[in-house]
Protein backbone atom coordinates (compact mmCIF):
# COMPACT_ATOMS: atom_id res chain seq x y z
CA MET A 1 10.51 -19.27 -20.00
CA ALA A 2 9.25 -17.08 -17.15
CA ASP A 3 12.72 -17.47 -15.64
CA ASP A 4 14.40 -17.04 -18.63
CA LEU A 5 12.64 -13.21 -18.25
CA GLU A 6 13.95 -12.29 -15.11
CA GLU A 7 16.81 -10.76 -14.73
CA PRO A 8 18.48 -10.18 -11.28
CA LEU A 9 19.18 -6.87 -9.87
CA GLU A 10 22.47 -5.45 -10.22
CA SER A 11 24.29 -3.35 -6.70
CA PRO A 12 25.95 -0.46 -6.55
CA ASP A 13 28.81 -1.94 -7.72
CA GLU A 14 27.67 -3.42 -10.57
CA ARG A 15 25.97 0.02 -12.16
CA ARG A 16 29.48 1.69 -11.50
CA ALA A 17 31.51 2.51 -14.66
CA HIS A 18 34.58 2.18 -12.79
CA ASN A 19 36.06 -0.35 -10.38
CA ARG A 20 37.13 1.53 -7.16
CA ALA A 21 40.23 0.76 -5.12
CA ARG A 22 40.17 0.66 -1.36
CA LEU A 23 42.05 4.00 -0.39
CA ILE A 24 42.28 6.24 2.39
CA LEU A 25 43.97 9.42 1.45
CA ASP A 26 42.89 12.91 2.75
CA VAL A 27 41.06 15.03 0.56
CA PHE A 28 40.44 18.48 0.71
CA PHE A 29 37.63 20.17 -0.42
CA ASP A 30 36.12 23.88 -0.90
CA GLY A 31 32.06 24.43 -2.12
CA GLU A 32 30.20 27.31 -1.87
CA ASP A 33 29.95 27.54 1.51
CA ILE A 34 32.31 24.95 3.11
CA THR A 35 36.18 23.80 3.45
CA GLY A 36 36.90 20.45 4.33
CA VAL A 37 39.59 17.53 4.58
CA ALA A 38 38.14 14.31 4.85
CA SER A 39 39.47 11.05 4.15
CA THR A 40 38.51 8.90 0.85
CA LYS A 41 36.47 5.38 1.84
CA ASP A 42 37.18 3.94 -1.84
CA ILE A 43 38.07 6.00 -5.47
CA SER A 44 38.47 5.14 -9.01
CA PRO A 45 38.66 7.85 -11.88
CA GLY A 46 35.32 8.25 -11.95
CA GLY A 47 35.39 9.80 -8.53
CA LEU A 48 35.17 8.65 -4.66
CA TYR A 49 33.34 8.26 -1.78
CA MET A 50 35.15 10.25 1.61
CA ASN A 51 33.96 9.76 5.07
CA SER A 52 32.81 13.82 6.53
CA GLN A 53 31.11 15.32 9.32
CA ALA A 54 29.58 17.88 6.46
CA ASN A 55 26.21 18.34 5.60
CA ILE A 56 26.68 18.70 2.02
CA PRO A 57 23.74 18.47 -0.27
CA GLN A 58 23.30 16.35 -3.35
CA GLY A 59 24.42 18.48 -6.73
CA ALA A 60 26.61 20.51 -5.02
CA VAL A 61 29.72 20.87 -6.87
CA LEU A 62 33.35 21.25 -4.44
CA LEU A 63 36.26 21.83 -6.33
CA VAL A 64 38.71 18.52 -4.41
CA ARG A 65 42.58 18.11 -4.01
CA ILE A 66 43.67 14.53 -3.95
CA PRO A 67 47.72 15.02 -2.98
CA PHE A 68 48.97 11.01 -3.45
CA ARG A 69 52.37 12.61 -2.54
CA PRO A 70 53.98 16.00 -2.31
CA ASP A 71 54.46 15.61 -5.94
CA ALA A 72 51.35 13.66 -7.29
CA THR A 73 48.51 15.38 -6.99
CA VAL A 74 45.17 15.48 -8.51
CA VAL A 75 42.41 18.92 -8.42
CA CYS A 76 39.55 19.04 -10.59
CA ARG A 77 36.08 19.83 -9.77
CA ALA A 78 33.29 16.65 -8.26
CA GLU A 79 29.50 16.89 -8.18
CA VAL A 80 27.63 15.18 -5.01
CA ILE A 81 25.80 12.25 -6.78
CA TYR A 82 24.54 10.84 -2.69
CA SER A 83 24.97 12.42 1.14
CA GLU A 84 24.93 10.54 3.76
CA PRO A 85 24.84 13.40 6.24
CA GLY A 86 26.90 12.67 9.62
CA ARG A 87 29.03 9.71 7.07
CA GLY A 88 29.82 10.76 3.60
CA LEU A 89 30.01 11.87 0.15
CA GLY A 90 29.56 9.97 -2.68
CA LEU A 91 31.56 12.20 -5.41
CA ARG A 92 31.44 12.23 -9.39
CA PHE A 93 34.63 13.95 -10.75
CA ILE A 94 33.16 16.40 -13.28
CA ASP A 95 36.37 17.84 -15.17
CA LEU A 96 39.05 15.21 -14.53
CA SER A 97 42.43 16.52 -17.03
CA ALA A 98 43.46 13.24 -19.37
CA GLU A 99 46.95 14.19 -17.06
CA GLY A 100 45.03 13.71 -13.92
CA ARG A 101 43.13 10.40 -14.83
CA ALA A 102 46.42 9.18 -15.56
CA MET A 103 48.12 9.75 -12.27
CA LEU A 104 45.04 8.81 -10.62
CA GLU A 105 44.75 5.22 -12.59
CA HIS A 106 48.56 5.06 -11.82
CA GLU A 107 48.01 5.52 -8.27
CA ILE A 108 45.12 3.53 -8.00
CA GLY A 109 47.54 0.73 -9.97
CA ASN A 110 50.14 0.82 -7.39
CA GLY A 111 47.95 1.15 -4.27
């Protein structure tokens, strides 16, 4: 049957490997030519979306620092997966440590 062969297109949320939590935090970022502070829109153990007016190209690598509390901060590198100039950036964590991942999962679970 022809209907059985057609599959619905996946939304971007369905393609993600991790569910994202709606959590607003300040994120400090440092790139080759830019440094700044942005706020998250959502976050997961795989990456985050941050609201930013900065024009950072897809493929750029940033050092990000995510302070959940004074005693709980995640620091890692992240690649810009997509850029919406004047609006924000989608980042994928590159070298998130096991400890950082555990902290992120704990904080998201409590968010």
